[in-house]
């Protein structure tokens, strides 16, 4: 709320000659719910508080199953959240990410996707499978009507560049 007030020129202290600031506020969200939240419903209600306080858009944590994103957006809209919801996407580029990503970020990997990666014999094969998954995910999300896609590069900008070229 304080950040939104600054946009209107309302500061905690009176400042001589203060002017409204020109920026927008985005917030994070978790399509599979934040791991500290008891339920997705509670998580969405907390997200609504952020939007009601002035958030103008939402960027999600990475996810690998678009149906979880679609369900999340449905819950948000039912809760009265109308701001744009931008999906956060990440390529899988190594087998060790199959355990690191779910454990660190508390997200699920679809079994079909994980099984394909486990069959790969080289890192190049894993990267190819991860890129193909990300392209398919991106195309489906664009068909769904998302306003924009946000990619987490995490040291692999060439993968994202290839995805963008394909799209």
Protein backbone atom coordinates (compact mmCIF):
# COMPACT_ATOMS: atom_id res chain seq x y z
CA UNK A 1 0.00 0.00 0.00
CA UNK A 2 2.84 2.37 0.86
CA UNK A 3 4.42 1.83 -2.55
CA UNK A 4 1.08 2.48 -4.27
CA UNK A 5 0.62 5.66 -2.22
CA UNK A 6 4.00 6.95 -3.41
CA UNK A 7 2.72 6.65 -6.98
CA UNK A 8 0.03 9.17 -5.97
CA UNK A 9 2.60 11.45 -4.32
CA UNK A 10 1.62 10.41 -0.78
CA UNK A 11 4.69 9.67 1.32
CA UNK A 12 5.14 8.60 4.94
CA UNK A 13 6.54 12.03 5.72
CA UNK A 14 5.59 15.34 4.17
CA UNK A 15 8.25 16.19 1.65
CA UNK A 16 8.47 19.70 0.27
CA UNK A 17 7.85 19.71 -3.47
CA UNK A 18 7.06 16.00 -3.62
CA UNK A 19 5.46 14.75 -6.81
CA UNK A 20 3.71 11.53 -7.74
CA UNK A 21 6.11 8.88 -9.01
CA UNK A 22 5.59 7.22 -12.38
CA UNK A 23 5.92 3.43 -12.16
CA UNK A 24 3.82 0.33 -11.83
CA UNK A 25 3.84 -2.43 -9.24
CA UNK A 26 3.97 -6.13 -9.99
CA UNK A 27 3.76 -8.98 -7.52
CA UNK A 28 4.68 -12.65 -7.43
CA UNK A 29 2.26 -15.57 -7.27
CA UNK A 30 2.41 -19.34 -7.07
CA UNK A 31 0.15 -21.35 -9.40
CA UNK A 32 0.80 -24.44 -7.28
CA UNK A 33 0.43 -22.38 -4.06
CA UNK A 34 3.22 -21.07 -1.90
CA UNK A 35 4.71 -23.87 0.17
CA UNK A 36 4.01 -21.96 3.39
CA UNK A 37 0.33 -21.50 2.56
CA UNK A 38 -2.17 -23.99 3.93
CA UNK A 39 -4.31 -23.99 0.77
CA UNK A 40 -4.43 -22.47 -2.69
CA UNK A 41 -7.59 -20.60 -1.69
CA UNK A 42 -5.75 -18.85 1.17
CA UNK A 43 -2.85 -18.12 -1.17
CA UNK A 44 -5.21 -16.51 -3.70
CA UNK A 45 -6.88 -14.44 -0.97
CA UNK A 46 -3.47 -13.13 0.09
CA UNK A 47 -2.70 -12.36 -3.56
CA UNK A 48 -5.98 -10.42 -3.79
CA UNK A 49 -4.80 -8.27 -0.87
CA UNK A 50 -1.67 -7.40 -2.86
CA UNK A 51 -3.78 -6.47 -5.88
CA UNK A 52 -6.23 -4.47 -3.75
CA UNK A 53 -3.24 -2.60 -2.30
CA UNK A 54 -2.21 -1.51 -5.81
CA UNK A 55 -0.46 -4.31 -7.68
CA UNK A 56 -1.07 -3.84 -11.39
CA UNK A 57 0.13 -7.21 -12.66
CA UNK A 58 1.18 -10.65 -11.42
CA UNK A 59 4.16 -12.78 -12.49
CA UNK A 60 4.01 -16.42 -11.48
CA UNK A 61 6.61 -18.75 -10.12
CA UNK A 62 7.76 -21.27 -12.69
CA UNK A 63 5.47 -24.18 -13.47
CA UNK A 64 5.62 -27.02 -15.95
CA UNK A 65 1.97 -28.04 -16.19
CA UNK A 66 -0.19 -25.45 -17.94
CA UNK A 67 -3.36 -26.93 -16.44
CA UNK A 68 -2.14 -25.81 -13.02
CA UNK A 69 -1.74 -22.29 -14.39
CA UNK A 70 -5.19 -22.36 -16.02
CA UNK A 71 -6.77 -23.51 -12.73
CA UNK A 72 -4.85 -20.83 -10.84
CA UNK A 73 -6.09 -18.09 -13.18
CA UNK A 74 -9.66 -19.40 -12.78
CA UNK A 75 -9.36 -19.20 -8.97
CA UNK A 76 -7.92 -15.69 -9.22
CA UNK A 77 -10.72 -14.47 -11.47
CA UNK A 78 -13.32 -16.04 -9.18
CA UNK A 79 -11.72 -14.15 -6.27
CA UNK A 80 -12.09 -10.87 -8.17
CA UNK A 81 -8.50 -10.51 -9.35
CA UNK A 82 -8.65 -8.84 -12.75
CA UNK A 83 -5.06 -7.67 -13.36
CA UNK A 84 -2.91 -9.41 -15.99
CA UNK A 85 -1.38 -12.70 -14.82
CA UNK A 86 1.94 -13.40 -16.53
CA UNK A 87 3.15 -17.00 -16.56
CA UNK A 88 6.73 -17.64 -15.45
CA UNK A 89 8.46 -20.38 -17.42
CA UNK A 90 11.83 -22.08 -17.17
CA UNK A 91 13.62 -24.58 -19.39
CA UNK A 92 14.91 -27.83 -17.92
CA UNK A 93 18.47 -28.32 -19.16
CA UNK A 94 19.95 -31.04 -16.92
CA UNK A 95 18.81 -34.21 -15.21
CA UNK A 96 19.78 -32.93 -11.77
CA UNK A 97 17.13 -30.21 -12.15
CA UNK A 98 14.53 -32.99 -11.85
CA UNK A 99 15.24 -33.09 -8.12
CA UNK A 100 16.64 -29.60 -7.48
CA UNK A 101 13.74 -27.62 -8.98
CA UNK A 102 10.87 -29.42 -7.20
CA UNK A 103 12.73 -29.38 -3.88
CA UNK A 104 13.86 -25.74 -4.12
CA UNK A 105 10.82 -24.17 -5.74
CA UNK A 106 8.08 -26.53 -4.54
CA UNK A 107 6.71 -27.23 -8.01
CA UNK A 108 5.69 -30.47 -9.68
CA UNK A 109 7.05 -31.83 -12.92
CA UNK A 110 4.60 -33.79 -15.08
CA UNK A 111 5.52 -37.49 -15.12
CA UNK A 112 5.51 -37.58 -18.94
CA UNK A 113 8.07 -34.74 -19.05
CA UNK A 114 10.26 -36.17 -16.29
CA UNK A 115 10.25 -39.63 -17.90
CA UNK A 116 11.40 -38.20 -21.24
CA UNK A 117 14.27 -36.39 -19.52
CA UNK A 118 15.28 -39.54 -17.63
CA UNK A 119 15.56 -41.41 -20.95
CA UNK A 120 18.03 -38.83 -22.30
CA UNK A 121 21.65 -39.95 -22.49
CA UNK A 122 23.39 -36.57 -22.83
CA UNK A 123 22.97 -33.04 -21.49
CA UNK A 124 22.35 -31.91 -25.07
CA UNK A 125 19.44 -34.37 -25.28
CA UNK A 126 18.02 -33.07 -21.99
CA UNK A 127 18.29 -29.49 -23.23
CA UNK A 128 16.52 -30.44 -26.47
CA UNK A 129 13.67 -32.14 -24.57
CA UNK A 130 13.42 -29.17 -22.18
CA UNK A 131 13.35 -26.71 -25.07
CA UNK A 132 10.66 -28.65 -26.93
CA UNK A 133 8.55 -28.79 -23.75
CA UNK A 134 8.98 -25.05 -23.21
CA UNK A 135 8.00 -24.28 -26.81
CA UNK A 136 4.86 -26.41 -26.54
CA UNK A 137 4.02 -24.86 -23.17
CA UNK A 138 4.52 -21.35 -24.58
CA UNK A 139 2.35 -21.99 -27.64
CA UNK A 140 -0.48 -23.36 -25.51
CA UNK A 141 -0.29 -20.39 -23.13
CA UNK A 142 -0.37 -17.89 -26.01
CA UNK A 143 -3.43 -19.70 -27.44
CA UNK A 144 -5.02 -19.38 -24.00
CA UNK A 145 -4.53 -15.60 -24.29
CA UNK A 146 -1.85 -14.71 -21.76
CA UNK A 147 -0.68 -11.11 -22.18
CA UNK A 148 3.03 -12.00 -22.30
CA UNK A 149 5.41 -14.78 -21.30
CA UNK A 150 8.14 -14.37 -18.68
CA UNK A 151 11.14 -16.69 -18.97
CA UNK A 152 13.53 -17.51 -16.15
CA UNK A 153 16.85 -17.93 -17.96
CA UNK A 154 18.99 -18.93 -14.96
CA UNK A 155 22.23 -18.95 -16.95
CA UNK A 156 20.77 -20.42 -20.16
CA UNK A 157 19.86 -17.40 -22.32
CA UNK A 158 20.62 -19.29 -25.55
CA UNK A 159 17.79 -21.73 -24.78
CA UNK A 160 15.33 -18.86 -24.39
CA UNK A 161 16.65 -17.22 -27.57
CA UNK A 162 15.96 -20.48 -29.44
CA UNK A 163 12.45 -20.67 -27.97
CA UNK A 164 11.72 -17.08 -29.02
CA UNK A 165 12.97 -17.77 -32.56
CA UNK A 166 10.68 -20.81 -32.75
CA UNK A 167 7.67 -18.87 -31.47
